[in-house]
Amino acid sequence: MGKKKFLPRHAGHKAGVETVRRILSLCVEQNIEVLTLFTFSSENWRRPEEEVNLLIKLFITALERELNKLHKNNVRLRIIGARDAFSDKLQQVMANAEKVTQHNSGITLVIAANYGGHWDIVEATKRLSSRVEQGILRSQDITENLLTREMCLGDLPEPDLFIRTGGEQRISNFLLWQLAYTELYFTDILWPDFDKDAFNNAMTSFAERQRRFGQTSEQLETNNA
């Protein structure tokens, strides 16, 4: 947003944090169980070093400032991605935030940081391969469900709706395995400008779709009769 409005890029990132608060509140109001946000991809390291440093600094600040509010509002926080690329300080902040909120029973807020869908699949495959090498698992016993459980979000429902803001119409290496049957929604609205009306438009679009999961419309009508 910052670039398109002729402001420093980090101004858009800061405004984006406010949008996170707004969308999280709207999700709570609509009893949505899980909200996953792609905050920093494994490809974002390719950006200018100054911007990367600002993003990480903002991430640390946001986690520290929002933790008490998240906990007070019964939000469970989970962070997915390759943490070892971050500083020890940031890793400690992440671990502490998850520990504080781990027993909360409200919405689960998932933050994807240094995350990539390719990485997720590879890491899950490595874990299963290790079990095969140890003789704990046979290769012929590996199934889709077993691989799914090894993914970062293996214990959570698969996403119902994927929202991409900013005019881009691609998934950008986000939850590649999990999005197989997810409804996709693209909008030109920039993330910092994604307000209640924009959120409701996305929800309305989702509600109007028929999710067939490989079945025909006639089959669904018969099953729901």
C-alpha atoms as a PDB file:
ATOM      1  CA  MET A   1       0.000   0.000   0.000  1.00  0.00           C
ATOM      2  CA  GLY A   2       2.765   2.451   0.934  1.00  0.00           C
ATOM      3  CA  LYS A   3       4.301   2.390  -2.553  1.00  0.00           C
ATOM      4  CA  LYS A   4       0.992   2.921  -4.346  1.00  0.00           C
ATOM      5  CA  LYS A   5       0.114   5.845  -2.079  1.00  0.00           C
ATOM      6  CA  PHE A   6       3.596   7.358  -2.419  1.00  0.00           C
ATOM      7  CA  LEU A   7       4.487   6.593   1.185  1.00  0.00           C
ATOM      8  CA  PRO A   8       7.437   4.566   2.481  1.00  0.00           C
ATOM      9  CA  ARG A   9       6.709   0.863   2.030  1.00  0.00           C
ATOM     10  CA  HIS A  10       6.914   0.233   5.770  1.00  0.00           C
ATOM     11  CA  ALA A  11       3.944   2.592   6.246  1.00  0.00           C
ATOM     12  CA  GLY A  12       1.810   0.038   4.436  1.00  0.00           C
ATOM     13  CA  HIS A  13       3.147  -2.762   6.606  1.00  0.00           C
ATOM     14  CA  LYS A  14       2.265  -0.851   9.777  1.00  0.00           C
ATOM     15  CA  ALA A  15      -1.230  -0.113   8.492  1.00  0.00           C
ATOM     16  CA  GLY A  16      -1.540  -3.814   7.736  1.00  0.00           C
ATOM     17  CA  VAL A  17      -1.206  -4.615  11.436  1.00  0.00           C
ATOM     18  CA  GLU A  18      -4.311  -2.538  12.111  1.00  0.00           C
ATOM     19  CA  THR A  19      -6.137  -4.563   9.470  1.00  0.00           C
ATOM     20  CA  VAL A  20      -5.176  -7.765  11.265  1.00  0.00           C
ATOM     21  CA  ARG A  21      -6.896  -6.495  14.431  1.00  0.00           C
ATOM     22  CA  ARG A  22      -9.992  -5.538  12.449  1.00  0.00           C
ATOM     23  CA  ILE A  23     -10.300  -8.812  10.535  1.00  0.00           C
ATOM     24  CA  LEU A  24      -9.629 -10.905  13.616  1.00  0.00           C
ATOM     25  CA  SER A  25     -12.500  -9.167  15.418  1.00  0.00           C
ATOM     26  CA  LEU A  26     -14.818  -9.758  12.466  1.00  0.00           C
ATOM     27  CA  CYS A  27     -13.881 -13.446  12.381  1.00  0.00           C
ATOM     28  CA  VAL A  28     -14.666 -13.746  16.089  1.00  0.00           C
ATOM     29  CA  GLU A  29     -18.056 -12.108  15.515  1.00  0.00           C
ATOM     30  CA  GLN A  30     -18.870 -14.656  12.806  1.00  0.00           C
ATOM     31  CA  ASN A  31     -17.656 -17.629  14.852  1.00  0.00           C
ATOM     32  CA  ILE A  32     -14.880 -18.501  12.425  1.00  0.00           C
ATOM     33  CA  GLU A  33     -12.674 -21.141  14.033  1.00  0.00           C
ATOM     34  CA  VAL A  34      -9.330 -20.478  12.330  1.00  0.00           C
ATOM     35  CA  LEU A  35      -7.774 -17.420  10.692  1.00  0.00           C
ATOM     36  CA  THR A  36      -4.432 -17.934   8.942  1.00  0.00           C
ATOM     37  CA  LEU A  37      -2.391 -14.931   7.835  1.00  0.00           C
ATOM     38  CA  PHE A  38       0.576 -15.048   5.463  1.00  0.00           C
ATOM     39  CA  THR A  39       2.799 -12.425   7.079  1.00  0.00           C
ATOM     40  CA  PHE A  40       6.248 -13.344   5.785  1.00  0.00           C
ATOM     41  CA  SER A  41       6.918 -15.916   3.079  1.00  0.00           C
ATOM     42  CA  SER A  42      10.120 -17.850   2.514  1.00  0.00           C
ATOM     43  CA  GLU A  43      10.504 -15.795  -0.679  1.00  0.00           C
ATOM     44  CA  ASN A  44      10.294 -12.442   1.149  1.00  0.00           C
ATOM     45  CA  TRP A  45      13.979 -12.711   2.073  1.00  0.00           C
ATOM     46  CA  ARG A  46      14.638 -11.617  -1.526  1.00  0.00           C
ATOM     47  CA  ARG A  47      13.292  -8.155  -0.783  1.00  0.00           C
ATOM     48  CA  PRO A  48      15.654  -5.258   0.015  1.00  0.00           C
ATOM     49  CA  GLU A  49      17.524  -5.878   3.274  1.00  0.00           C
ATOM     50  CA  GLU A  50      16.181  -2.693   4.850  1.00  0.00           C
ATOM     51  CA  GLU A  51      12.585  -3.736   4.193  1.00  0.00           C
ATOM     52  CA  VAL A  52      13.201  -7.243   5.534  1.00  0.00           C
ATOM     53  CA  ASN A  53      14.681  -5.825   8.727  1.00  0.00           C
ATOM     54  CA  LEU A  54      11.713  -3.479   9.141  1.00  0.00           C
ATOM     55  CA  LEU A  55       9.266  -6.340   8.613  1.00  0.00           C
ATOM     56  CA  ILE A  56      10.962  -8.472  11.252  1.00  0.00           C
ATOM     57  CA  LYS A  57      11.159  -5.573  13.702  1.00  0.00           C
ATOM     58  CA  LEU A  58       7.467  -4.863  13.152  1.00  0.00           C
ATOM     59  CA  PHE A  59       6.664  -8.532  13.660  1.00  0.00           C
ATOM     60  CA  ILE A  60       8.445  -8.607  17.019  1.00  0.00           C
ATOM     61  CA  THR A  61       6.790  -5.383  18.148  1.00  0.00           C
ATOM     62  CA  ALA A  62       3.321  -6.542  17.107  1.00  0.00           C
ATOM     63  CA  LEU A  63       3.697  -9.875  18.897  1.00  0.00           C
ATOM     64  CA  GLU A  64       4.850  -8.251  22.112  1.00  0.00           C
ATOM     65  CA  ARG A  65       2.191  -5.534  22.057  1.00  0.00           C
ATOM     66  CA  GLU A  66      -0.740  -7.748  21.067  1.00  0.00           C
ATOM     67  CA  LEU A  67      -0.022 -10.784  23.221  1.00  0.00           C
ATOM     68  CA  ASN A  68      -1.925  -9.690  26.335  1.00  0.00           C
ATOM     69  CA  LYS A  69      -4.925  -8.604  24.269  1.00  0.00           C
ATOM     70  CA  LEU A  70      -4.967 -11.887  22.355  1.00  0.00           C
ATOM     71  CA  HIS A  71      -4.779 -13.860  25.573  1.00  0.00           C
ATOM     72  CA  LYS A  72      -7.478 -11.764  27.240  1.00  0.00           C
ATOM     73  CA  ASN A  73      -9.780 -12.402  24.264  1.00  0.00           C
ATOM     74  CA  ASN A  74      -9.222 -16.172  24.420  1.00  0.00           C
ATOM     75  CA  VAL A  75      -7.317 -16.294  21.113  1.00  0.00           C
ATOM     76  CA  ARG A  76      -4.947 -19.212  20.587  1.00  0.00           C
ATOM     77  CA  LEU A  77      -1.867 -18.189  18.632  1.00  0.00           C
ATOM     78  CA  ARG A  78       0.129 -20.528  16.454  1.00  0.00           C
ATOM     79  CA  ILE A  79       3.109 -19.639  14.289  1.00  0.00           C
ATOM     80  CA  ILE A  80       4.139 -21.833  11.351  1.00  0.00           C
ATOM     81  CA  GLY A  81       7.261 -21.727   9.209  1.00  0.00           C
ATOM     82  CA  ALA A  82      11.011 -22.292   9.430  1.00  0.00           C
ATOM     83  CA  ARG A  83      11.895 -20.420  12.603  1.00  0.00           C
ATOM     84  CA  ASP A  84      15.589 -21.202  12.571  1.00  0.00           C
ATOM     85  CA  ALA A  85      16.155 -18.428  10.012  1.00  0.00           C
ATOM     86  CA  PHE A  86      15.072 -15.822  12.565  1.00  0.00           C
ATOM     87  CA  SER A  87      17.065 -14.344  15.421  1.00  0.00           C
ATOM     88  CA  ASP A  88      17.099 -16.018  18.826  1.00  0.00           C
ATOM     89  CA  LYS A  89      15.128 -13.079  20.204  1.00  0.00           C
ATOM     90  CA  LEU A  90      12.315 -13.478  17.682  1.00  0.00           C
ATOM     91  CA  GLN A  91      12.207 -17.231  18.204  1.00  0.00           C
ATOM     92  CA  GLN A  92      11.854 -16.658  21.944  1.00  0.00           C
ATOM     93  CA  VAL A  93       9.060 -14.131  21.416  1.00  0.00           C
ATOM     94  CA  MET A  94       7.241 -16.627  19.168  1.00  0.00           C
ATOM     95  CA  ALA A  95       7.593 -19.495  21.625  1.00  0.00           C
ATOM     96  CA  ASN A  96       6.424 -17.362  24.533  1.00  0.00           C
ATOM     97  CA  ALA A  97       3.360 -16.093  22.646  1.00  0.00           C
ATOM     98  CA  GLU A  98       2.326 -19.632  21.785  1.00  0.00           C
ATOM     99  CA  LYS A  99       2.913 -20.859  25.329  1.00  0.00           C
ATOM    100  CA  VAL A 100       0.847 -18.093  26.899  1.00  0.00           C
ATOM    101  CA  THR A 101      -2.143 -18.718  24.608  1.00  0.00           C
ATOM    102  CA  GLN A 102      -1.896 -22.483  24.106  1.00  0.00           C
ATOM    103  CA  HIS A 103      -4.868 -23.375  26.315  1.00  0.00           C
ATOM    104  CA  ASN A 104      -7.216 -20.697  24.974  1.00  0.00           C
ATOM    105  CA  SER A 105     -10.384 -22.105  23.427  1.00  0.00           C
ATOM    106  CA  GLY A 106     -11.476 -19.285  21.113  1.00  0.00           C
ATOM    107  CA  ILE A 107     -10.413 -18.629  17.537  1.00  0.00           C
ATOM    108  CA  THR A 108      -7.032 -19.982  16.462  1.00  0.00           C
ATOM    109  CA  LEU A 109      -4.898 -17.287  14.852  1.00  0.00           C
ATOM    110  CA  VAL A 110      -2.199 -18.835  12.676  1.00  0.00           C
ATOM    111  CA  ILE A 111       0.703 -16.638  11.612  1.00  0.00           C
ATOM    112  CA  ALA A 112       2.756 -17.948   8.684  1.00  0.00           C
ATOM    113  CA  ALA A 113       6.285 -16.562   9.037  1.00  0.00           C
ATOM    114  CA  ASN A 114       9.127 -17.709   6.797  1.00  0.00           C
ATOM    115  CA  TYR A 115       6.599 -20.198   5.499  1.00  0.00           C
ATOM    116  CA  GLY A 116       6.271 -21.756   2.058  1.00  0.00           C
ATOM    117  CA  GLY A 117       3.951 -24.469   0.795  1.00  0.00           C
ATOM    118  CA  HIS A 118       6.834 -26.306  -0.886  1.00  0.00           C
ATOM    119  CA  TRP A 119       8.795 -26.231   2.374  1.00  0.00           C
ATOM    120  CA  ASP A 120       5.805 -27.567   4.310  1.00  0.00           C
ATOM    121  CA  ILE A 121       5.412 -30.567   1.997  1.00  0.00           C
ATOM    122  CA  VAL A 122       9.140 -31.318   1.958  1.00  0.00           C
ATOM    123  CA  GLU A 123       9.416 -31.181   5.756  1.00  0.00           C
ATOM    124  CA  ALA A 124       6.418 -33.480   6.175  1.00  0.00           C
ATOM    125  CA  THR A 125       7.955 -35.904   3.676  1.00  0.00           C
ATOM    126  CA  LYS A 126      11.260 -35.860   5.548  1.00  0.00           C
ATOM    127  CA  ARG A 127       9.548 -36.769   8.813  1.00  0.00           C
ATOM    128  CA  LEU A 128       7.731 -39.701   7.227  1.00  0.00           C
ATOM    129  CA  SER A 129      10.911 -40.834   5.448  1.00  0.00           C
ATOM    130  CA  SER A 130      12.777 -40.808   8.754  1.00  0.00           C
ATOM    131  CA  ARG A 131      10.164 -43.081  10.287  1.00  0.00           C
ATOM    132  CA  VAL A 132      10.490 -45.446   7.323  1.00  0.00           C
ATOM    133  CA  GLU A 133      14.290 -45.528   7.738  1.00  0.00           C
ATOM    134  CA  GLN A 134      13.873 -46.343  11.427  1.00  0.00           C
ATOM    135  CA  GLY A 135      11.511 -49.191  10.629  1.00  0.00           C
ATOM    136  CA  ILE A 136       8.629 -47.488  12.430  1.00  0.00           C
ATOM    137  CA  LEU A 137       6.603 -47.100   9.245  1.00  0.00           C
ATOM    138  CA  ARG A 138       6.383 -48.960   5.959  1.00  0.00           C
ATOM    139  CA  SER A 139       6.422 -46.880   2.771  1.00  0.00           C
ATOM    140  CA  GLN A 140       3.280 -48.625   1.503  1.00  0.00           C
ATOM    141  CA  ASP A 141       1.444 -47.434   4.602  1.00  0.00           C
ATOM    142  CA  ILE A 142       1.882 -43.762   3.713  1.00  0.00           C
ATOM    143  CA  THR A 143      -1.474 -42.229   2.786  1.00  0.00           C
ATOM    144  CA  GLU A 144      -2.823 -38.758   2.054  1.00  0.00           C
ATOM    145  CA  ASN A 145      -4.234 -38.558   5.575  1.00  0.00           C
ATOM    146  CA  LEU A 146      -0.910 -39.545   7.103  1.00  0.00           C
ATOM    147  CA  LEU A 147       0.971 -36.929   5.092  1.00  0.00           C
ATOM    148  CA  THR A 148      -1.671 -34.330   5.934  1.00  0.00           C
ATOM    149  CA  ARG A 149      -1.180 -34.931   9.657  1.00  0.00           C
ATOM    150  CA  GLU A 150       2.525 -34.168   9.260  1.00  0.00           C
ATOM    151  CA  MET A 151       1.826 -30.737   7.768  1.00  0.00           C
ATOM    152  CA  CYS A 152       1.994 -27.569   9.836  1.00  0.00           C
ATOM    153  CA  LEU A 153      -1.795 -27.408  10.153  1.00  0.00           C
ATOM    154  CA  GLY A 154      -2.423 -31.145  10.222  1.00  0.00           C
ATOM    155  CA  ASP A 155      -4.592 -30.960  13.338  1.00  0.00           C
ATOM    156  CA  LEU A 156      -6.790 -28.118  12.050  1.00  0.00           C
ATOM    157  CA  PRO A 157      -9.640 -28.096   9.501  1.00  0.00           C
ATOM    158  CA  GLU A 158      -8.609 -27.438   5.920  1.00  0.00           C
ATOM    159  CA  PRO A 159      -9.273 -23.821   4.880  1.00  0.00           C
ATOM    160  CA  ASP A 160     -12.723 -23.063   3.504  1.00  0.00           C
ATOM    161  CA  LEU A 161     -11.841 -19.712   1.957  1.00  0.00           C
ATOM    162  CA  PHE A 162      -8.610 -18.188   0.642  1.00  0.00           C
ATOM    163  CA  ILE A 163      -8.610 -14.394   0.262  1.00  0.00           C
ATOM    164  CA  ARG A 164      -5.912 -12.682  -1.789  1.00  0.00           C
ATOM    165  CA  THR A 165      -5.853  -8.891  -1.705  1.00  0.00           C
ATOM    166  CA  GLY A 166      -3.952  -6.320  -3.743  1.00  0.00           C
ATOM    167  CA  GLY A 167      -5.000  -7.379  -7.232  1.00  0.00           C
ATOM    168  CA  GLU A 168      -2.760 -10.460  -7.407  1.00  0.00           C
ATOM    169  CA  GLN A 169      -4.430 -13.630  -8.645  1.00  0.00           C
ATOM    170  CA  ARG A 170      -2.109 -16.379  -7.492  1.00  0.00           C
ATOM    171  CA  ILE A 171      -1.587 -18.502  -4.388  1.00  0.00           C
ATOM    172  CA  SER A 172       2.105 -17.588  -4.048  1.00  0.00           C
ATOM    173  CA  ASN A 173       3.295 -20.830  -2.420  1.00  0.00           C
ATOM    174  CA  PHE A 174       0.792 -20.579   0.440  1.00  0.00           C
ATOM    175  CA  LEU A 175      -0.692 -23.764   1.971  1.00  0.00           C
ATOM    176  CA  LEU A 176      -0.393 -25.594  -1.341  1.00  0.00           C
ATOM    177  CA  TRP A 177      -1.426 -28.972   0.056  1.00  0.00           C
ATOM    178  CA  GLN A 178      -4.231 -27.613   2.231  1.00  0.00           C
ATOM    179  CA  LEU A 179      -5.894 -25.463  -0.451  1.00  0.00           C
ATOM    180  CA  ALA A 180      -6.915 -28.385  -2.703  1.00  0.00           C
ATOM    181  CA  TYR A 181     -10.658 -27.766  -2.209  1.00  0.00           C
ATOM    182  CA  THR A 182     -10.552 -24.253  -0.793  1.00  0.00           C
ATOM    183  CA  GLU A 183     -12.668 -21.544  -2.424  1.00  0.00           C
ATOM    184  CA  LEU A 184     -10.489 -18.764  -3.866  1.00  0.00           C
ATOM    185  CA  TYR A 185     -11.420 -15.085  -3.639  1.00  0.00           C
ATOM    186  CA  PHE A 186      -9.389 -12.323  -5.271  1.00  0.00           C
ATOM    187  CA  THR A 187      -9.845  -8.595  -4.785  1.00  0.00           C
ATOM    188  CA  ASP A 188      -8.051  -5.456  -5.961  1.00  0.00           C
ATOM    189  CA  ILE A 189      -8.375  -3.930  -2.494  1.00  0.00           C
ATOM    190  CA  LEU A 190      -5.025  -3.606  -0.745  1.00  0.00           C
ATOM    191  CA  TRP A 191      -4.670  -5.432   2.571  1.00  0.00           C
ATOM    192  CA  PRO A 192      -4.375  -2.241   4.692  1.00  0.00           C
ATOM    193  CA  ASP A 193      -7.661  -1.053   3.115  1.00  0.00           C
ATOM    194  CA  PHE A 194      -9.467  -4.389   3.589  1.00  0.00           C
ATOM    195  CA  ASP A 195     -12.305  -3.211   5.830  1.00  0.00           C
ATOM    196  CA  LYS A 196     -15.579  -4.627   7.124  1.00  0.00           C
ATOM    197  CA  ASP A 197     -17.406  -4.105   3.831  1.00  0.00           C
ATOM    198  CA  ALA A 198     -14.651  -5.875   1.896  1.00  0.00           C
ATOM    199  CA  PHE A 199     -14.681  -8.732   4.398  1.00  0.00           C
ATOM    200  CA  ASN A 200     -18.465  -9.073   4.152  1.00  0.00           C
ATOM    201  CA  ASN A 201     -18.256  -9.109   0.353  1.00  0.00           C
ATOM    202  CA  ALA A 202     -15.841 -12.017   0.540  1.00  0.00           C
ATOM    203  CA  MET A 203     -18.118 -13.867   2.970  1.00  0.00           C
ATOM    204  CA  THR A 204     -21.128 -13.266   0.717  1.00  0.00           C
ATOM    205  CA  SER A 205     -19.261 -14.582  -2.311  1.00  0.00           C
ATOM    206  CA  PHE A 206     -18.299 -17.684  -0.364  1.00  0.00           C
ATOM    207  CA  ALA A 207     -21.851 -18.275   0.868  1.00  0.00           C
ATOM    208  CA  GLU A 208     -23.182 -18.164  -2.698  1.00  0.00           C
ATOM    209  CA  ARG A 209     -20.879 -20.930  -3.925  1.00  0.00           C
ATOM    210  CA  GLN A 210     -21.736 -24.594  -4.113  1.00  0.00           C
ATOM    211  CA  ARG A 211     -18.928 -26.724  -2.713  1.00  0.00           C
ATOM    212  CA  ARG A 212     -19.126 -30.080  -4.476  1.00  0.00           C
ATOM    213  CA  PHE A 213     -15.816 -31.741  -3.500  1.00  0.00           C
ATOM    214  CA  GLY A 214     -15.826 -33.762  -6.717  1.00  0.00           C
ATOM    215  CA  GLN A 215     -19.535 -34.569  -6.665  1.00  0.00           C
ATOM    216  CA  THR A 216     -22.214 -33.307  -9.036  1.00  0.00           C
ATOM    217  CA  SER A 217     -24.821 -30.733  -8.077  1.00  0.00           C
ATOM    218  CA  GLU A 218     -27.474 -33.423  -8.346  1.00  0.00           C
ATOM    219  CA  GLN A 219     -25.631 -35.634  -5.854  1.00  0.00           C
ATOM    220  CA  LEU A 220     -25.383 -32.806  -3.359  1.00  0.00           C
ATOM    221  CA  GLU A 221     -29.077 -32.022  -3.692  1.00  0.00           C
ATOM    222  CA  THR A 222     -29.927 -35.693  -3.097  1.00  0.00           C
ATOM    223  CA  ASN A 223     -27.617 -35.967  -0.088  1.00  0.00           C
ATOM    224  CA  ASN A 224     -29.022 -32.790   1.446  1.00  0.00           C
ATOM    225  CA  ALA A 225     -32.654 -33.724   0.812  1.00  0.00           C
END
